[in-house]
Amino acid sequence: MAAPAPALKDLSKVAENLKSQLEGFNTEKLKNASIQEKTILPTAEDVATEKTQKSIFEGITVFDQNNLKHTETNKKNPLPDKE
């Protein structure tokens, strides 16, 4: 999907020495290049980690706070008295 070559009227915006080189350029001298797109897929470990994180997050968001029970805290003083 190469871009079309610019028209000669558009080449007037280019310096004269460069313009003459562009007009005389032979595209047959160019080499063909094969392009390979590399798509990196996640590894099985990445997928497992993401599933674990997603399940933990869903567990937190769905958690019912009504199941919690109120508790009293007991203050314990491990220091000895002043005797």
PDB file of N, CA and C in Angstrom:
ATOM      1  N   MET A   1       0.833  -1.171   0.000  1.00  0.00           N
ATOM      2  CA  MET A   1       0.000   0.000   0.000  1.00  0.00           C
ATOM      3  C   MET A   1       0.886   1.246   0.000  1.00  0.00           C
ATOM      4  N   ALA A   2       1.655   1.421  -1.031  1.00  0.00           N
ATOM      5  CA  ALA A   2       2.536   2.570  -1.130  1.00  0.00           C
ATOM      6  C   ALA A   2       1.721   3.796  -1.507  1.00  0.00           C
ATOM      7  N   ALA A   3       2.168   4.933  -1.018  1.00  0.00           N
ATOM      8  CA  ALA A   3       1.505   6.182  -1.349  1.00  0.00           C
ATOM      9  C   ALA A   3       1.795   6.518  -2.806  1.00  0.00           C
ATOM     10  N   PRO A   4       0.849   7.136  -3.487  1.00  0.00           N
ATOM     11  CA  PRO A   4       1.094   7.480  -4.887  1.00  0.00           C
ATOM     12  C   PRO A   4       2.183   8.543  -4.992  1.00  0.00           C
ATOM     13  N   ALA A   5       2.902   8.521  -6.088  1.00  0.00           N
ATOM     14  CA  ALA A   5       3.978   9.488  -6.304  1.00  0.00           C
ATOM     15  C   ALA A   5       3.373  10.875  -6.446  1.00  0.00           C
ATOM     16  N   PRO A   6       4.045  11.891  -5.903  1.00  0.00           N
ATOM     17  CA  PRO A   6       3.508  13.247  -6.022  1.00  0.00           C
ATOM     18  C   PRO A   6       3.558  13.715  -7.476  1.00  0.00           C
ATOM     19  N   ALA A   7       2.624  14.556  -7.818  1.00  0.00           N
ATOM     20  CA  ALA A   7       2.583  15.097  -9.176  1.00  0.00           C
ATOM     21  C   ALA A   7       3.733  16.076  -9.363  1.00  0.00           C
ATOM     22  N   LEU A   8       4.116  16.306 -10.606  1.00  0.00           N
ATOM     23  CA  LEU A   8       5.234  17.209 -10.878  1.00  0.00           C
ATOM     24  C   LEU A   8       4.935  18.631 -10.436  1.00  0.00           C
ATOM     25  N   LYS A   9       3.660  19.036 -10.437  1.00  0.00           N
ATOM     26  CA  LYS A   9       3.322  20.396 -10.002  1.00  0.00           C
ATOM     27  C   LYS A   9       3.624  20.574  -8.512  1.00  0.00           C
ATOM     28  N   ASP A  10       3.574  19.482  -7.742  1.00  0.00           N
ATOM     29  CA  ASP A  10       3.880  19.555  -6.317  1.00  0.00           C
ATOM     30  C   ASP A  10       5.376  19.611  -6.072  1.00  0.00           C
ATOM     31  N   LEU A  11       6.170  19.217  -7.034  1.00  0.00           N
ATOM     32  CA  LEU A  11       7.619  19.204  -6.865  1.00  0.00           C
ATOM     33  C   LEU A  11       8.229  20.594  -6.930  1.00  0.00           C
ATOM     34  N   SER A  12       7.464  21.602  -7.306  1.00  0.00           N
ATOM     35  CA  SER A  12       8.006  22.952  -7.384  1.00  0.00           C
ATOM     36  C   SER A  12       8.365  23.478  -5.999  1.00  0.00           C
ATOM     37  N   LYS A  13       7.851  22.887  -4.963  1.00  0.00           N
ATOM     38  CA  LYS A  13       8.135  23.317  -3.602  1.00  0.00           C
ATOM     39  C   LYS A  13       9.468  22.775  -3.101  1.00  0.00           C
ATOM     40  N   VAL A  14      10.119  21.952  -3.920  1.00  0.00           N
ATOM     41  CA  VAL A  14      11.369  21.309  -3.544  1.00  0.00           C
ATOM     42  C   VAL A  14      12.520  22.055  -4.220  1.00  0.00           C
ATOM     43  N   ALA A  15      13.693  22.039  -3.606  1.00  0.00           N
ATOM     44  CA  ALA A  15      14.869  22.697  -4.180  1.00  0.00           C
ATOM     45  C   ALA A  15      15.164  22.119  -5.565  1.00  0.00           C
ATOM     46  N   GLU A  16      15.754  22.929  -6.432  1.00  0.00           N
ATOM     47  CA  GLU A  16      15.981  22.540  -7.830  1.00  0.00           C
ATOM     48  C   GLU A  16      16.863  21.301  -7.965  1.00  0.00           C
ATOM     49  N   ASN A  17      17.961  21.228  -7.196  1.00  0.00           N
ATOM     50  CA  ASN A  17      18.850  20.070  -7.333  1.00  0.00           C
ATOM     51  C   ASN A  17      18.157  18.783  -6.865  1.00  0.00           C
ATOM     52  N   LEU A  18      17.349  18.893  -5.854  1.00  0.00           N
ATOM     53  CA  LEU A  18      16.610  17.730  -5.375  1.00  0.00           C
ATOM     54  C   LEU A  18      15.482  17.374  -6.344  1.00  0.00           C
ATOM     55  N   LYS A  19      14.903  18.396  -6.941  1.00  0.00           N
ATOM     56  CA  LYS A  19      13.817  18.176  -7.898  1.00  0.00           C
ATOM     57  C   LYS A  19      14.306  17.366  -9.096  1.00  0.00           C
ATOM     58  N   SER A  20      15.490  17.690  -9.596  1.00  0.00           N
ATOM     59  CA  SER A  20      16.012  16.960 -10.751  1.00  0.00           C
ATOM     60  C   SER A  20      16.318  15.505 -10.381  1.00  0.00           C
ATOM     61  N   GLN A  21      16.785  15.288  -9.160  1.00  0.00           N
ATOM     62  CA  GLN A  21      17.055  13.917  -8.712  1.00  0.00           C
ATOM     63  C   GLN A  21      15.754  13.127  -8.560  1.00  0.00           C
ATOM     64  N   LEU A  22      14.729  13.780  -8.077  1.00  0.00           N
ATOM     65  CA  LEU A  22      13.440  13.105  -7.900  1.00  0.00           C
ATOM     66  C   LEU A  22      12.802  12.757  -9.240  1.00  0.00           C
ATOM     67  N   GLU A  23      12.928  13.652 -10.195  1.00  0.00           N
ATOM     68  CA  GLU A  23      12.343  13.391 -11.509  1.00  0.00           C
ATOM     69  C   GLU A  23      13.057  12.248 -12.214  1.00  0.00           C
ATOM     70  N   GLY A  24      14.370  12.126 -12.006  1.00  0.00           N
ATOM     71  CA  GLY A  24      15.135  11.095 -12.687  1.00  0.00           C
ATOM     72  C   GLY A  24      15.259   9.799 -11.904  1.00  0.00           C
ATOM     73  N   PHE A  25      14.589   9.701 -10.771  1.00  0.00           N
ATOM     74  CA  PHE A  25      14.719   8.511  -9.930  1.00  0.00           C
ATOM     75  C   PHE A  25      13.993   7.330 -10.554  1.00  0.00           C
ATOM     76  N   ASN A  26      14.655   6.195 -10.594  1.00  0.00           N
ATOM     77  CA  ASN A  26      14.074   4.977 -11.163  1.00  0.00           C
ATOM     78  C   ASN A  26      13.627   4.069 -10.016  1.00  0.00           C
ATOM     79  N   THR A  27      12.328   3.851  -9.913  1.00  0.00           N
ATOM     80  CA  THR A  27      11.801   3.026  -8.823  1.00  0.00           C
ATOM     81  C   THR A  27      12.089   1.546  -9.031  1.00  0.00           C
ATOM     82  N   GLU A  28      12.541   1.173 -10.216  1.00  0.00           N
ATOM     83  CA  GLU A  28      12.877  -0.227 -10.484  1.00  0.00           C
ATOM     84  C   GLU A  28      14.109  -0.664  -9.700  1.00  0.00           C
ATOM     85  N   LYS A  29      14.922   0.292  -9.257  1.00  0.00           N
ATOM     86  CA  LYS A  29      16.144  -0.036  -8.518  1.00  0.00           C
ATOM     87  C   LYS A  29      15.853  -0.422  -7.064  1.00  0.00           C
ATOM     88  N   LEU A  30      14.656  -0.149  -6.615  1.00  0.00           N
ATOM     89  CA  LEU A  30      14.310  -0.457  -5.226  1.00  0.00           C
ATOM     90  C   LEU A  30      14.143  -1.958  -5.047  1.00  0.00           C
ATOM     91  N   LYS A  31      14.537  -2.438  -3.882  1.00  0.00           N
ATOM     92  CA  LYS A  31      14.395  -3.859  -3.568  1.00  0.00           C
ATOM     93  C   LYS A  31      13.052  -4.091  -2.875  1.00  0.00           C
ATOM     94  N   ASN A  32      12.465  -5.232  -3.153  1.00  0.00           N
ATOM     95  CA  ASN A  32      11.235  -5.603  -2.453  1.00  0.00           C
ATOM     96  C   ASN A  32      11.591  -6.085  -1.053  1.00  0.00           C
ATOM     97  N   ALA A  33      10.780  -5.696  -0.117  1.00  0.00           N
ATOM     98  CA  ALA A  33      10.992  -6.116   1.265  1.00  0.00           C
ATOM     99  C   ALA A  33       9.742  -6.830   1.751  1.00  0.00           C
ATOM    100  N   SER A  34       9.949  -7.950   2.393  1.00  0.00           N
ATOM    101  CA  SER A  34       8.805  -8.661   2.960  1.00  0.00           C
ATOM    102  C   SER A  34       8.601  -8.175   4.390  1.00  0.00           C
ATOM    103  N   ILE A  35       7.385  -7.870   4.686  1.00  0.00           N
ATOM    104  CA  ILE A  35       7.049  -7.334   6.003  1.00  0.00           C
ATOM    105  C   ILE A  35       6.301  -8.409   6.770  1.00  0.00           C
ATOM    106  N   GLN A  36       6.761  -8.677   7.970  1.00  0.00           N
ATOM    107  CA  GLN A  36       6.097  -9.653   8.827  1.00  0.00           C
ATOM    108  C   GLN A  36       5.638  -8.944  10.092  1.00  0.00           C
ATOM    109  N   GLU A  37       4.344  -9.008  10.341  1.00  0.00           N
ATOM    110  CA  GLU A  37       3.817  -8.416  11.560  1.00  0.00           C
ATOM    111  C   GLU A  37       3.952  -9.425  12.681  1.00  0.00           C
ATOM    112  N   LYS A  38       4.499  -8.967  13.771  1.00  0.00           N
ATOM    113  CA  LYS A  38       4.685  -9.851  14.920  1.00  0.00           C
ATOM    114  C   LYS A  38       3.653  -9.490  15.986  1.00  0.00           C
ATOM    115  N   THR A  39       2.780 -10.425  16.265  1.00  0.00           N
ATOM    116  CA  THR A  39       1.791 -10.251  17.308  1.00  0.00           C
ATOM    117  C   THR A  39       2.197 -11.142  18.470  1.00  0.00           C
ATOM    118  N   ILE A  40       2.523 -10.506  19.564  1.00  0.00           N
ATOM    119  CA  ILE A  40       2.969 -11.256  20.734  1.00  0.00           C
ATOM    120  C   ILE A  40       1.749 -11.582  21.586  1.00  0.00           C
ATOM    121  N   LEU A  41       1.463 -12.860  21.707  1.00  0.00           N
ATOM    122  CA  LEU A  41       0.334 -13.305  22.514  1.00  0.00           C
ATOM    123  C   LEU A  41       0.791 -13.528  23.950  1.00  0.00           C
ATOM    124  N   PRO A  42      -0.107 -13.314  24.911  1.00  0.00           N
ATOM    125  CA  PRO A  42       0.275 -13.550  26.302  1.00  0.00           C
ATOM    126  C   PRO A  42       0.529 -15.031  26.562  1.00  0.00           C
ATOM    127  N   THR A  43       1.428 -15.297  27.485  1.00  0.00           N
ATOM    128  CA  THR A  43       1.743 -16.676  27.832  1.00  0.00           C
ATOM    129  C   THR A  43       0.639 -17.238  28.724  1.00  0.00           C
ATOM    130  N   ALA A  44       0.663 -18.536  28.932  1.00  0.00           N
ATOM    131  CA  ALA A  44      -0.332 -19.181  29.793  1.00  0.00           C
ATOM    132  C   ALA A  44      -0.213 -18.653  31.220  1.00  0.00           C
ATOM    133  N   GLU A  45       1.010 -18.359  31.625  1.00  0.00           N
ATOM    134  CA  GLU A  45       1.226 -17.819  32.974  1.00  0.00           C
ATOM    135  C   GLU A  45       0.586 -16.437  33.111  1.00  0.00           C
ATOM    136  N   ASP A  46       0.705 -15.600  32.075  1.00  0.00           N
ATOM    137  CA  ASP A  46       0.087 -14.275  32.101  1.00  0.00           C
ATOM    138  C   ASP A  46      -1.431 -14.383  32.190  1.00  0.00           C
ATOM    139  N   VAL A  47      -2.008 -15.312  31.440  1.00  0.00           N
ATOM    140  CA  VAL A  47      -3.460 -15.499  31.451  1.00  0.00           C
ATOM    141  C   VAL A  47      -3.916 -15.982  32.824  1.00  0.00           C
ATOM    142  N   ALA A  48      -3.180 -16.919  33.414  1.00  0.00           N
ATOM    143  CA  ALA A  48      -3.546 -17.438  34.736  1.00  0.00           C
ATOM    144  C   ALA A  48      -3.449 -16.340  35.792  1.00  0.00           C
ATOM    145  N   THR A  49      -2.416 -15.520  35.719  1.00  0.00           N
ATOM    146  CA  THR A  49      -2.252 -14.422  36.675  1.00  0.00           C
ATOM    147  C   THR A  49      -3.398 -13.433  36.549  1.00  0.00           C
ATOM    148  N   GLU A  50      -3.767 -13.113  35.330  1.00  0.00           N
ATOM    149  CA  GLU A  50      -4.855 -12.167  35.114  1.00  0.00           C
ATOM    150  C   GLU A  50      -6.184 -12.728  35.614  1.00  0.00           C
ATOM    151  N   LYS A  51      -6.425 -14.024  35.406  1.00  0.00           N
ATOM    152  CA  LYS A  51      -7.658 -14.647  35.899  1.00  0.00           C
ATOM    153  C   LYS A  51      -7.705 -14.616  37.421  1.00  0.00           C
ATOM    154  N   THR A  52      -6.565 -14.882  38.058  1.00  0.00           N
ATOM    155  CA  THR A  52      -6.504 -14.856  39.520  1.00  0.00           C
ATOM    156  C   THR A  52      -6.806 -13.461  40.039  1.00  0.00           C
ATOM    157  N   GLN A  53      -6.189 -12.458  39.441  1.00  0.00           N
ATOM    158  CA  GLN A  53      -6.422 -11.082  39.871  1.00  0.00           C
ATOM    159  C   GLN A  53      -7.879 -10.684  39.662  1.00  0.00           C
ATOM    160  N   LYS A  54      -8.450 -11.112  38.547  1.00  0.00           N
ATOM    161  CA  LYS A  54      -9.844 -10.777  38.254  1.00  0.00           C
ATOM    162  C   LYS A  54     -10.784 -11.439  39.253  1.00  0.00           C
ATOM    163  N   SER A  55     -10.516 -12.692  39.613  1.00  0.00           N
ATOM    164  CA  SER A  55     -11.386 -13.381  40.565  1.00  0.00           C
ATOM    165  C   SER A  55     -11.276 -12.761  41.957  1.00  0.00           C
ATOM    166  N   ILE A  56     -10.081 -12.338  42.343  1.00  0.00           N
ATOM    167  CA  ILE A  56      -9.913 -11.671  43.644  1.00  0.00           C
ATOM    168  C   ILE A  56     -10.683 -10.360  43.652  1.00  0.00           C
ATOM    169  N   PHE A  57     -10.558  -9.590  42.583  1.00  0.00           N
ATOM    170  CA  PHE A  57     -11.257  -8.310  42.496  1.00  0.00           C
ATOM    171  C   PHE A  57     -12.768  -8.502  42.531  1.00  0.00           C
ATOM    172  N   GLU A  58     -13.277  -9.504  41.816  1.00  0.00           N
ATOM    173  CA  GLU A  58     -14.713  -9.775  41.828  1.00  0.00           C
ATOM    174  C   GLU A  58     -15.168 -10.216  43.211  1.00  0.00           C
ATOM    175  N   GLY A  59     -14.329 -10.986  43.909  1.00  0.00           N
ATOM    176  CA  GLY A  59     -14.668 -11.408  45.261  1.00  0.00           C
ATOM    177  C   GLY A  59     -14.786 -10.230  46.213  1.00  0.00           C
ATOM    178  N   ILE A  60     -13.952  -9.236  46.020  1.00  0.00           N
ATOM    179  CA  ILE A  60     -13.994  -8.044  46.877  1.00  0.00           C
ATOM    180  C   ILE A  60     -15.232  -7.214  46.572  1.00  0.00           C
ATOM    181  N   THR A  61     -15.553  -7.040  45.312  1.00  0.00           N
ATOM    182  CA  THR A  61     -16.688  -6.188  44.955  1.00  0.00           C
ATOM    183  C   THR A  61     -18.030  -6.834  45.283  1.00  0.00           C
ATOM    184  N   VAL A  62     -18.096  -8.163  45.303  1.00  0.00           N
ATOM    185  CA  VAL A  62     -19.354  -8.859  45.552  1.00  0.00           C
ATOM    186  C   VAL A  62     -19.532  -9.168  47.042  1.00  0.00           C
ATOM    187  N   PHE A  63     -18.538  -8.941  47.854  1.00  0.00           N
ATOM    188  CA  PHE A  63     -18.567  -9.307  49.268  1.00  0.00           C
ATOM    189  C   PHE A  63     -19.723  -8.616  49.983  1.00  0.00           C
ATOM    190  N   ASP A  64     -20.474  -9.385  50.774  1.00  0.00           N
ATOM    191  CA  ASP A  64     -21.613  -8.859  51.523  1.00  0.00           C
ATOM    192  C   ASP A  64     -21.144  -8.464  52.917  1.00  0.00           C
ATOM    193  N   GLN A  65     -21.229  -7.175  53.216  1.00  0.00           N
ATOM    194  CA  GLN A  65     -20.759  -6.681  54.511  1.00  0.00           C
ATOM    195  C   GLN A  65     -21.707  -7.051  55.647  1.00  0.00           C
ATOM    196  N   ASN A  66     -22.914  -7.466  55.342  1.00  0.00           N
ATOM    197  CA  ASN A  66     -23.867  -7.855  56.382  1.00  0.00           C
ATOM    198  C   ASN A  66     -23.457  -9.154  57.063  1.00  0.00           C
ATOM    199  N   ASN A  67     -22.566  -9.919  56.443  1.00  0.00           N
ATOM    200  CA  ASN A  67     -22.094 -11.165  57.048  1.00  0.00           C
ATOM    201  C   ASN A  67     -21.063 -10.916  58.146  1.00  0.00           C
ATOM    202  N   LEU A  68     -20.572  -9.697  58.260  1.00  0.00           N
ATOM    203  CA  LEU A  68     -19.576  -9.389  59.287  1.00  0.00           C
ATOM    204  C   LEU A  68     -20.253  -9.262  60.647  1.00  0.00           C
ATOM    205  N   LYS A  69     -19.545  -9.652  61.695  1.00  0.00           N
ATOM    206  CA  LYS A  69     -20.063  -9.552  63.052  1.00  0.00           C
ATOM    207  C   LYS A  69     -19.261  -8.506  63.808  1.00  0.00           C
ATOM    208  N   HIS A  70     -19.950  -7.802  64.690  1.00  0.00           N
ATOM    209  CA  HIS A  70     -19.278  -6.796  65.497  1.00  0.00           C
ATOM    210  C   HIS A  70     -18.485  -7.497  66.597  1.00  0.00           C
ATOM    211  N   THR A  71     -17.325  -6.999  66.854  1.00  0.00           N
ATOM    212  CA  THR A  71     -16.500  -7.586  67.907  1.00  0.00           C
ATOM    213  C   THR A  71     -15.967  -6.484  68.807  1.00  0.00           C
ATOM    214  N   GLU A  72     -15.766  -6.834  70.048  1.00  0.00           N
ATOM    215  CA  GLU A  72     -15.201  -5.902  71.024  1.00  0.00           C
ATOM    216  C   GLU A  72     -13.707  -6.166  71.119  1.00  0.00           C
ATOM    217  N   THR A  73     -12.947  -5.109  71.182  1.00  0.00           N
ATOM    218  CA  THR A  73     -11.499  -5.279  71.313  1.00  0.00           C
ATOM    219  C   THR A  73     -11.124  -5.240  72.781  1.00  0.00           C
ATOM    220  N   ASN A  74     -10.279  -6.134  73.194  1.00  0.00           N
ATOM    221  CA  ASN A  74      -9.785  -6.174  74.566  1.00  0.00           C
ATOM    222  C   ASN A  74      -8.387  -5.590  74.583  1.00  0.00           C
ATOM    223  N   LYS A  75      -8.214  -4.538  75.415  1.00  0.00           N
ATOM    224  CA  LYS A  75      -6.899  -3.932  75.521  1.00  0.00           C
ATOM    225  C   LYS A  75      -6.118  -4.681  76.573  1.00  0.00           C
ATOM    226  N   LYS A  76      -5.014  -5.216  76.178  1.00  0.00           N
ATOM    227  CA  LYS A  76      -4.156  -5.922  77.118  1.00  0.00           C
ATOM    228  C   LYS A  76      -2.897  -5.099  77.303  1.00  0.00           C
ATOM    229  N   ASN A  77      -2.499  -4.960  78.548  1.00  0.00           N
ATOM    230  CA  ASN A  77      -1.309  -4.187  78.852  1.00  0.00           C
ATOM    231  C   ASN A  77      -0.202  -5.152  79.260  1.00  0.00           C
ATOM    232  N   PRO A  78       0.749  -5.410  78.401  1.00  0.00           N
ATOM    233  CA  PRO A  78       1.812  -6.357  78.752  1.00  0.00           C
ATOM    234  C   PRO A  78       2.875  -5.763  79.681  1.00  0.00           C
ATOM    235  N   LEU A  79       2.777  -4.454  79.970  1.00  0.00           N
ATOM    236  CA  LEU A  79       3.785  -3.834  80.833  1.00  0.00           C
ATOM    237  C   LEU A  79       3.456  -4.094  82.305  1.00  0.00           C
ATOM    238  N   PRO A  80       4.458  -4.242  83.135  1.00  0.00           N
ATOM    239  CA  PRO A  80       4.199  -4.460  84.571  1.00  0.00           C
ATOM    240  C   PRO A  80       3.701  -3.180  85.246  1.00  0.00           C
ATOM    241  N   ASP A  81       2.987  -3.364  86.356  1.00  0.00           N
ATOM    242  CA  ASP A  81       2.502  -2.216  87.121  1.00  0.00           C
ATOM    243  C   ASP A  81       3.664  -1.535  87.831  1.00  0.00           C
ATOM    244  N   LYS A  82       3.418  -0.317  88.387  1.00  0.00           N
ATOM    245  CA  LYS A  82       4.470   0.414  89.107  1.00  0.00           C
ATOM    246  C   LYS A  82       4.483  -0.032  90.564  1.00  0.00           C
ATOM    247  N   GLU A  83       5.030  -1.139  90.861  1.00  0.00           N
ATOM    248  CA  GLU A  83       5.100  -1.618  92.244  1.00  0.00           C
ATOM    249  C   GLU A  83       6.496  -1.701  92.741  1.00  0.00           C
TER     250      GLU A  83
END
